[in-house]
Amino acid sequence: MSELNQRIQKIEHLGESLDGILLINKDMQFNTNFIYLTNTEDVAGFLFYDFTKPKIFTNLRDMPVAKKSWISRAEL
């Protein structure tokens, strides 16, 4: 099992008590939890993880990098 899959499995149990997780990664103030779950630090934006289909919301500049992460749903 890959390291990323292990990371995701660690938080899956939170779905029993939460509707979702919202993480914010700013340009100059990196959020280690955002980096941990997306496996990228080169994206400024929001990660919404709803335990079914996670989504990254970002700007136009960071969109190509966001789409390369394991989270295939990226929006402006």
N, C-alpha and C. Protein backbone atom coordinates (compact mmCIF):
# COMPACT_ATOMS: atom_id res chain seq x y z
N MET A 1 0.85 -1.18 0.00
CA MET A 1 0.00 0.00 0.00
C MET A 1 0.89 1.24 0.00
N SER A 2 0.53 2.21 -0.80
CA SER A 2 1.34 3.42 -0.89
C SER A 2 1.19 4.27 0.38
N GLU A 3 2.16 5.15 0.57
CA GLU A 3 2.12 6.02 1.74
C GLU A 3 0.90 6.93 1.72
N LEU A 4 0.53 7.41 0.53
CA LEU A 4 -0.65 8.27 0.42
C LEU A 4 -1.92 7.52 0.82
N ASN A 5 -2.07 6.28 0.40
CA ASN A 5 -3.24 5.48 0.79
C ASN A 5 -3.28 5.28 2.30
N GLN A 6 -2.13 5.10 2.91
CA GLN A 6 -2.08 4.96 4.37
C GLN A 6 -2.54 6.25 5.05
N ARG A 7 -2.14 7.39 4.49
CA ARG A 7 -2.56 8.68 5.05
C ARG A 7 -4.08 8.82 5.01
N ILE A 8 -4.66 8.47 3.87
CA ILE A 8 -6.10 8.61 3.70
C ILE A 8 -6.85 7.66 4.63
N GLN A 9 -6.36 6.46 4.79
CA GLN A 9 -7.01 5.50 5.68
C GLN A 9 -7.01 5.99 7.12
N LYS A 10 -5.99 6.74 7.50
CA LYS A 10 -5.91 7.26 8.87
C LYS A 10 -7.06 8.22 9.19
N ILE A 11 -7.57 8.92 8.18
CA ILE A 11 -8.63 9.89 8.46
C ILE A 11 -10.02 9.39 8.08
N GLU A 12 -10.12 8.25 7.42
CA GLU A 12 -11.42 7.75 6.98
C GLU A 12 -12.39 7.54 8.15
N HIS A 13 -11.91 7.15 9.30
CA HIS A 13 -12.80 6.93 10.44
C HIS A 13 -13.48 8.22 10.90
N LEU A 14 -12.91 9.37 10.54
CA LEU A 14 -13.54 10.64 10.91
C LEU A 14 -14.87 10.86 10.20
N GLY A 15 -15.10 10.15 9.10
CA GLY A 15 -16.34 10.27 8.35
C GLY A 15 -17.55 9.81 9.14
N GLU A 16 -17.34 9.05 10.19
CA GLU A 16 -18.44 8.61 11.04
C GLU A 16 -19.02 9.75 11.87
N SER A 17 -18.18 10.75 12.16
CA SER A 17 -18.65 11.84 13.02
C SER A 17 -18.60 13.22 12.35
N LEU A 18 -18.01 13.31 11.15
CA LEU A 18 -17.90 14.59 10.45
C LEU A 18 -18.51 14.49 9.06
N ASP A 19 -19.04 15.60 8.56
CA ASP A 19 -19.53 15.64 7.18
C ASP A 19 -18.39 15.86 6.20
N GLY A 20 -17.34 16.52 6.64
CA GLY A 20 -16.22 16.78 5.76
C GLY A 20 -15.12 17.53 6.49
N ILE A 21 -14.00 17.71 5.79
CA ILE A 21 -12.86 18.44 6.31
C ILE A 21 -12.51 19.52 5.30
N LEU A 22 -12.29 20.73 5.78
CA LEU A 22 -11.88 21.84 4.93
C LEU A 22 -10.51 22.31 5.39
N LEU A 23 -9.54 22.27 4.47
CA LEU A 23 -8.18 22.71 4.76
C LEU A 23 -7.82 23.84 3.80
N ILE A 24 -7.10 24.82 4.31
CA ILE A 24 -6.71 25.99 3.52
C ILE A 24 -5.19 26.03 3.44
N ASN A 25 -4.67 26.20 2.23
CA ASN A 25 -3.23 26.34 2.02
C ASN A 25 -2.97 27.68 1.34
N LYS A 26 -2.37 28.61 2.06
CA LYS A 26 -2.08 29.93 1.50
C LYS A 26 -0.71 29.91 0.83
N ASP A 27 -0.45 30.90 -0.01
CA ASP A 27 0.81 30.97 -0.74
C ASP A 27 2.03 30.94 0.18
N MET A 28 2.09 31.79 1.13
CA MET A 28 3.29 31.90 1.97
C MET A 28 3.10 31.30 3.37
N GLN A 29 1.95 30.72 3.66
CA GLN A 29 1.69 30.11 4.95
C GLN A 29 1.20 28.68 4.72
N PHE A 30 2.12 27.78 4.51
CA PHE A 30 1.77 26.41 4.16
C PHE A 30 1.08 25.69 5.30
N ASN A 31 0.05 24.94 4.96
CA ASN A 31 -0.69 24.12 5.90
C ASN A 31 -0.18 22.70 5.78
N THR A 32 0.47 22.20 6.81
CA THR A 32 1.05 20.86 6.73
C THR A 32 0.00 19.78 6.54
N ASN A 33 -1.20 19.97 7.04
CA ASN A 33 -2.27 18.99 6.84
C ASN A 33 -2.71 18.96 5.38
N PHE A 34 -2.77 20.12 4.73
CA PHE A 34 -3.10 20.19 3.31
C PHE A 34 -2.05 19.44 2.50
N ILE A 35 -0.79 19.71 2.79
CA ILE A 35 0.31 19.04 2.08
C ILE A 35 0.27 17.54 2.33
N TYR A 36 0.00 17.14 3.55
CA TYR A 36 -0.06 15.72 3.93
C TYR A 36 -1.14 14.98 3.14
N LEU A 37 -2.32 15.60 2.99
CA LEU A 37 -3.43 14.91 2.32
C LEU A 37 -3.42 15.02 0.81
N THR A 38 -2.87 16.10 0.26
CA THR A 38 -2.86 16.26 -1.20
C THR A 38 -1.56 15.78 -1.82
N ASN A 39 -0.54 15.64 -1.01
CA ASN A 39 0.78 15.22 -1.47
C ASN A 39 1.42 16.27 -2.38
N THR A 40 1.04 17.53 -2.22
CA THR A 40 1.64 18.63 -2.96
C THR A 40 1.63 19.89 -2.11
N GLU A 41 2.69 20.68 -2.21
CA GLU A 41 2.72 21.95 -1.49
C GLU A 41 2.69 23.12 -2.44
N ASP A 42 2.62 22.86 -3.73
CA ASP A 42 2.69 23.91 -4.74
C ASP A 42 1.32 24.45 -5.14
N VAL A 43 0.30 24.22 -4.34
CA VAL A 43 -1.05 24.68 -4.66
C VAL A 43 -1.56 25.56 -3.53
N ALA A 44 -1.97 26.76 -3.88
CA ALA A 44 -2.64 27.63 -2.91
C ALA A 44 -4.14 27.47 -3.14
N GLY A 45 -4.86 27.15 -2.09
CA GLY A 45 -6.30 26.99 -2.25
C GLY A 45 -6.92 26.25 -1.09
N PHE A 46 -8.07 25.64 -1.36
CA PHE A 46 -8.85 24.92 -0.35
C PHE A 46 -8.95 23.46 -0.75
N LEU A 47 -8.89 22.58 0.22
CA LEU A 47 -9.19 21.17 0.01
C LEU A 47 -10.47 20.87 0.78
N PHE A 48 -11.49 20.40 0.08
CA PHE A 48 -12.70 19.94 0.75
C PHE A 48 -12.74 18.43 0.61
N TYR A 49 -12.60 17.75 1.73
CA TYR A 49 -12.60 16.28 1.75
C TYR A 49 -13.88 15.83 2.43
N ASP A 50 -14.80 15.29 1.64
CA ASP A 50 -16.11 14.90 2.19
C ASP A 50 -16.26 13.39 2.35
N PHE A 51 -15.14 12.67 2.34
CA PHE A 51 -15.09 11.23 2.53
C PHE A 51 -15.69 10.45 1.37
N THR A 52 -16.01 11.12 0.27
CA THR A 52 -16.44 10.42 -0.94
C THR A 52 -15.63 10.89 -2.13
N LYS A 53 -15.77 12.17 -2.49
CA LYS A 53 -15.04 12.73 -3.63
C LYS A 53 -14.39 14.04 -3.21
N PRO A 54 -13.11 14.00 -2.83
CA PRO A 54 -12.44 15.24 -2.42
C PRO A 54 -12.28 16.19 -3.60
N LYS A 55 -12.20 17.48 -3.27
CA LYS A 55 -12.11 18.50 -4.30
C LYS A 55 -11.16 19.60 -3.84
N ILE A 56 -10.35 20.10 -4.79
CA ILE A 56 -9.47 21.24 -4.52
C ILE A 56 -10.04 22.46 -5.25
N PHE A 57 -10.14 23.56 -4.54
CA PHE A 57 -10.52 24.85 -5.13
C PHE A 57 -9.26 25.70 -5.13
N THR A 58 -8.87 26.19 -6.30
CA THR A 58 -7.63 26.94 -6.40
C THR A 58 -7.74 28.04 -7.45
N ASN A 59 -6.65 28.74 -7.68
CA ASN A 59 -6.64 29.81 -8.67
C ASN A 59 -6.17 29.27 -10.02
N LEU A 60 -6.26 30.09 -11.03
CA LEU A 60 -5.90 29.68 -12.39
C LEU A 60 -4.42 29.30 -12.49
N ARG A 61 -3.57 30.02 -11.81
CA ARG A 61 -2.13 29.75 -11.85
C ARG A 61 -1.78 28.36 -11.32
N ASP A 62 -2.45 27.92 -10.25
CA ASP A 62 -2.12 26.64 -9.61
C ASP A 62 -2.96 25.47 -10.12
N MET A 63 -3.90 25.73 -11.02
CA MET A 63 -4.79 24.67 -11.51
C MET A 63 -4.03 23.49 -12.14
N PRO A 64 -3.03 23.71 -13.00
CA PRO A 64 -2.33 22.55 -13.59
C PRO A 64 -1.69 21.64 -12.55
N VAL A 65 -1.12 22.23 -11.51
CA VAL A 65 -0.50 21.42 -10.44
C VAL A 65 -1.56 20.69 -9.65
N ALA A 66 -2.67 21.36 -9.36
CA ALA A 66 -3.75 20.74 -8.59
C ALA A 66 -4.31 19.52 -9.33
N LYS A 67 -4.42 19.62 -10.64
CA LYS A 67 -4.97 18.50 -11.41
C LYS A 67 -4.01 17.31 -11.48
N LYS A 68 -2.73 17.53 -11.17
CA LYS A 68 -1.76 16.44 -11.17
C LYS A 68 -1.74 15.68 -9.85
N SER A 69 -2.38 16.22 -8.82
CA SER A 69 -2.41 15.52 -7.53
C SER A 69 -3.37 14.33 -7.65
N TRP A 70 -3.44 13.51 -6.63
CA TRP A 70 -4.30 12.34 -6.66
C TRP A 70 -5.78 12.74 -6.64
N ILE A 71 -6.05 13.99 -6.28
CA ILE A 71 -7.42 14.50 -6.25
C ILE A 71 -7.74 15.03 -7.64
N SER A 72 -8.52 14.31 -8.39
CA SER A 72 -8.75 14.66 -9.79
C SER A 72 -9.73 15.81 -9.97
N ARG A 73 -10.49 16.14 -8.95
CA ARG A 73 -11.47 17.23 -9.07
C ARG A 73 -10.88 18.52 -8.56
N ALA A 74 -10.55 19.40 -9.47
CA ALA A 74 -10.01 20.72 -9.13
C ALA A 74 -10.84 21.77 -9.82
N GLU A 75 -11.21 22.81 -9.11
CA GLU A 75 -12.06 23.88 -9.67
C GLU A 75 -11.50 25.23 -9.29
N LEU A 76 -11.89 26.23 -10.07
CA LEU A 76 -11.50 27.62 -9.79
C LEU A 76 -12.42 28.22 -8.76
